[in-house]
Amino acid sequence: MPIIFERNGANHLLFWVGKEFYPYPSDFIEEVRQFGASKRVPVEFPIQKLTAWSLMFFVHPLAIIRDHQTLPPPPRCPKRMKSHLANKAYCLGHSYQVAPANHEGRRKIGDAVYDVKPLPTDLSPEFVPGIFLRLPITDIDHVVHKDGRPDPRVKEKELDVKIPLNYMHE
């Protein structure tokens, strides 16, 4: 379940992205880039606390490479910041170096396939957990029961929800 936290007058969600599903932050980023972001929350979750200003923050155990300056400059910056390519500040582009190729010279995770530039094998970076991605919450999809009825716990919050709430079938 995500953690709700308040910052600058808005409630936000913090999600842990486990490396058992996404071994590297770049795996999650590329899946989101190619297929979009969708996170399930339990029906008891207080969705009425979210607003149009709410964001989702994602944390990964390998998000930050503490000794990034020992690595070659990243091949590209996901934020498209040219200053990051100078290797003076940490760039999430380094994640595309530590994620090994596993599919015809590229990296495949689920249905997402993307380019990586593996590091020389003699380097072993030191990782620390951190936030690696921030996304807006555009709407909430509630999966209805098989008979088409929404869960009453969600329905009772409907008038208090400040972002679009969609009812959908699995």
Protein backbone atom coordinates (compact mmCIF):
# COMPACT_ATOMS: atom_id res chain seq x y z
CA MET A 1 0.00 0.00 0.00
CA PRO A 2 1.38 3.46 -0.81
CA ILE A 3 2.28 5.93 1.91
CA ILE A 4 0.45 9.26 1.89
CA PHE A 5 2.52 12.31 2.77
CA GLU A 6 1.79 16.04 2.67
CA ARG A 7 4.04 18.58 1.01
CA ASN A 8 3.30 22.15 -0.09
CA GLY A 9 -0.36 21.81 0.85
CA ALA A 10 -1.05 18.68 -1.21
CA ASN A 11 -1.15 14.99 -0.35
CA HIS A 12 1.13 12.75 -2.39
CA LEU A 13 1.71 9.01 -2.70
CA LEU A 14 4.99 7.22 -2.13
CA PHE A 15 5.39 3.77 -3.71
CA TRP A 16 8.19 1.26 -3.17
CA VAL A 17 9.27 -0.38 -6.44
CA GLY A 18 10.80 -3.72 -5.52
CA LYS A 19 13.78 -5.05 -7.41
CA GLU A 20 12.17 -8.51 -7.52
CA PHE A 21 9.79 -7.06 -10.16
CA TYR A 22 11.98 -4.27 -11.56
CA PRO A 23 15.65 -5.09 -10.94
CA TYR A 24 16.75 -1.58 -12.01
CA PRO A 25 15.03 1.83 -11.98
CA SER A 26 15.43 2.03 -15.77
CA ASP A 27 13.22 -1.09 -16.06
CA PHE A 28 10.32 0.69 -14.37
CA ILE A 29 10.94 3.98 -16.22
CA GLU A 30 10.88 2.27 -19.61
CA GLU A 31 7.77 0.26 -18.82
CA VAL A 32 6.01 3.49 -17.78
CA ARG A 33 7.34 5.33 -20.84
CA GLN A 34 6.09 2.60 -23.19
CA PHE A 35 2.84 1.54 -21.46
CA GLY A 36 1.92 4.21 -18.91
CA ALA A 37 1.73 4.11 -15.12
CA SER A 38 -0.97 2.35 -13.19
CA LYS A 39 -0.86 1.44 -9.50
CA ARG A 40 -3.52 -0.48 -7.61
CA VAL A 41 -4.59 0.67 -4.19
CA PRO A 42 -6.92 -1.17 -1.80
CA VAL A 43 -10.60 -0.14 -1.68
CA GLU A 44 -10.08 1.12 1.89
CA PHE A 45 -7.48 3.60 0.66
CA PRO A 46 -8.48 7.24 1.35
CA ILE A 47 -8.64 8.39 -2.29
CA GLN A 48 -10.58 11.46 -1.19
CA LYS A 49 -7.31 12.89 0.19
CA LEU A 50 -5.88 13.24 -3.34
CA THR A 51 -6.26 16.37 -5.48
CA ALA A 52 -5.25 17.58 -8.92
CA TRP A 53 -1.94 18.65 -7.31
CA SER A 54 -1.18 15.18 -5.93
CA LEU A 55 1.81 13.29 -7.32
CA MET A 56 3.08 9.72 -7.21
CA PHE A 57 6.70 9.31 -6.08
CA PHE A 58 8.52 6.04 -6.74
CA VAL A 59 11.40 4.72 -4.62
CA HIS A 60 13.79 1.95 -5.71
CA PRO A 61 16.59 0.28 -3.71
CA LEU A 62 19.08 0.94 -6.55
CA ALA A 63 17.88 4.46 -7.44
CA ILE A 64 21.03 6.36 -6.55
CA ILE A 65 24.60 5.40 -7.29
CA ARG A 66 26.62 6.96 -4.49
CA ASP A 67 29.94 6.71 -6.37
CA HIS A 68 28.55 7.70 -9.80
CA GLN A 69 31.69 9.72 -10.59
CA THR A 70 33.66 6.47 -10.92
CA LEU A 71 31.40 5.51 -13.84
CA PRO A 72 31.65 6.78 -17.40
CA PRO A 73 29.23 9.65 -18.13
CA PRO A 74 25.71 8.37 -18.80
CA PRO A 75 24.88 7.80 -22.47
CA ARG A 76 21.70 9.90 -22.10
CA CYS A 77 19.69 11.70 -19.47
CA PRO A 78 16.02 10.67 -19.05
CA LYS A 79 15.27 14.29 -18.04
CA ARG A 80 17.11 15.53 -21.17
CA MET A 81 19.45 17.70 -19.08
CA LYS A 82 22.72 18.14 -20.97
CA SER A 83 24.49 19.22 -17.76
CA HIS A 84 23.91 15.71 -16.36
CA LEU A 85 26.01 14.20 -19.14
CA ALA A 86 29.12 15.91 -17.71
CA ASN A 87 29.02 13.37 -14.83
CA LYS A 88 29.41 16.07 -12.14
CA ALA A 89 25.96 15.39 -10.67
CA TYR A 90 24.18 12.07 -10.39
CA CYS A 91 21.93 11.33 -13.35
CA LEU A 92 19.32 8.61 -13.61
CA GLY A 93 20.92 7.87 -16.99
CA HIS A 94 23.50 5.90 -15.00
CA SER A 95 20.77 3.30 -14.40
CA TYR A 96 20.93 2.52 -18.11
CA GLN A 97 24.60 1.58 -17.61
CA VAL A 98 24.17 -0.75 -14.64
CA ALA A 99 21.19 -2.63 -16.10
CA PRO A 100 22.66 -5.49 -18.16
CA ALA A 101 21.57 -6.33 -21.68
CA ASN A 102 19.57 -9.57 -21.72
CA HIS A 103 17.77 -9.59 -25.07
CA GLU A 104 19.71 -9.35 -28.35
CA GLY A 105 22.04 -6.64 -27.02
CA ARG A 106 19.17 -4.70 -25.43
CA ARG A 107 17.31 -5.01 -22.14
CA LYS A 108 13.90 -6.69 -21.87
CA ILE A 109 11.66 -6.50 -18.82
CA GLY A 110 8.12 -7.79 -19.33
CA ASP A 111 6.98 -6.40 -22.68
CA ALA A 112 9.31 -3.39 -22.53
CA VAL A 113 12.53 -3.54 -24.55
CA TYR A 114 15.04 -0.70 -24.40
CA ASP A 115 18.66 0.25 -25.09
CA VAL A 116 21.31 -0.03 -22.39
CA LYS A 117 25.02 0.71 -22.42
CA PRO A 118 26.57 -1.79 -19.99
CA LEU A 119 29.52 -0.81 -17.82
CA PRO A 120 32.94 -2.41 -17.90
CA THR A 121 32.77 -5.55 -15.75
CA ASP A 122 35.47 -4.35 -13.31
CA LEU A 123 33.20 -1.64 -11.87
CA SER A 124 30.85 -2.33 -8.93
CA PRO A 125 28.86 0.76 -8.04
CA GLU A 126 27.52 1.47 -4.55
CA PHE A 127 23.73 1.92 -4.51
CA VAL A 128 21.39 3.67 -2.08
CA PRO A 129 17.58 3.74 -2.13
CA GLY A 130 15.94 6.92 -3.32
CA ILE A 131 13.15 8.55 -5.26
CA PHE A 132 13.76 8.09 -8.97
CA LEU A 133 10.46 9.07 -10.58
CA ARG A 134 7.64 11.54 -9.98
CA LEU A 135 4.36 11.39 -11.92
CA PRO A 136 1.03 13.23 -11.77
CA ILE A 137 -2.12 11.43 -10.70
CA THR A 138 -4.48 12.06 -13.59
CA ASP A 139 -7.36 9.84 -12.50
CA ILE A 140 -8.34 6.84 -10.42
CA ASP A 141 -9.69 3.65 -11.96
CA HIS A 142 -11.82 1.46 -9.71
CA VAL A 143 -12.33 -2.10 -10.90
CA VAL A 144 -15.98 -2.99 -10.32
CA HIS A 145 -17.30 -6.36 -9.15
CA LYS A 146 -18.04 -9.01 -11.79
CA ASP A 147 -21.71 -8.03 -11.71
CA GLY A 148 -20.77 -4.43 -12.62
CA ARG A 149 -21.37 -2.89 -9.19
CA PRO A 150 -18.66 -0.71 -7.63
CA ASP A 151 -17.46 -1.54 -4.14
CA PRO A 152 -19.64 0.42 -1.68
CA ARG A 153 -16.52 1.61 0.19
CA VAL A 154 -15.38 3.39 -2.98
CA LYS A 155 -18.87 4.58 -3.92
CA GLU A 156 -19.32 6.32 -0.55
CA LYS A 157 -16.15 8.40 -1.20
CA GLU A 158 -17.24 9.38 -4.72
CA LEU A 159 -18.53 12.86 -3.86
CA ASP A 160 -15.37 13.70 -1.91
CA VAL A 161 -12.90 12.60 -4.61
CA LYS A 162 -11.29 15.64 -6.24
CA ILE A 163 -9.81 13.91 -9.31
CA PRO A 164 -11.62 11.88 -11.97
CA LEU A 165 -12.86 8.51 -10.68
CA ASN A 166 -13.53 5.91 -13.38
CA TYR A 167 -15.42 2.67 -12.91
CA MET A 168 -14.09 -0.11 -15.11
CA HIS A 169 -14.21 -3.88 -15.64
CA GLU A 170 -11.07 -6.00 -15.13
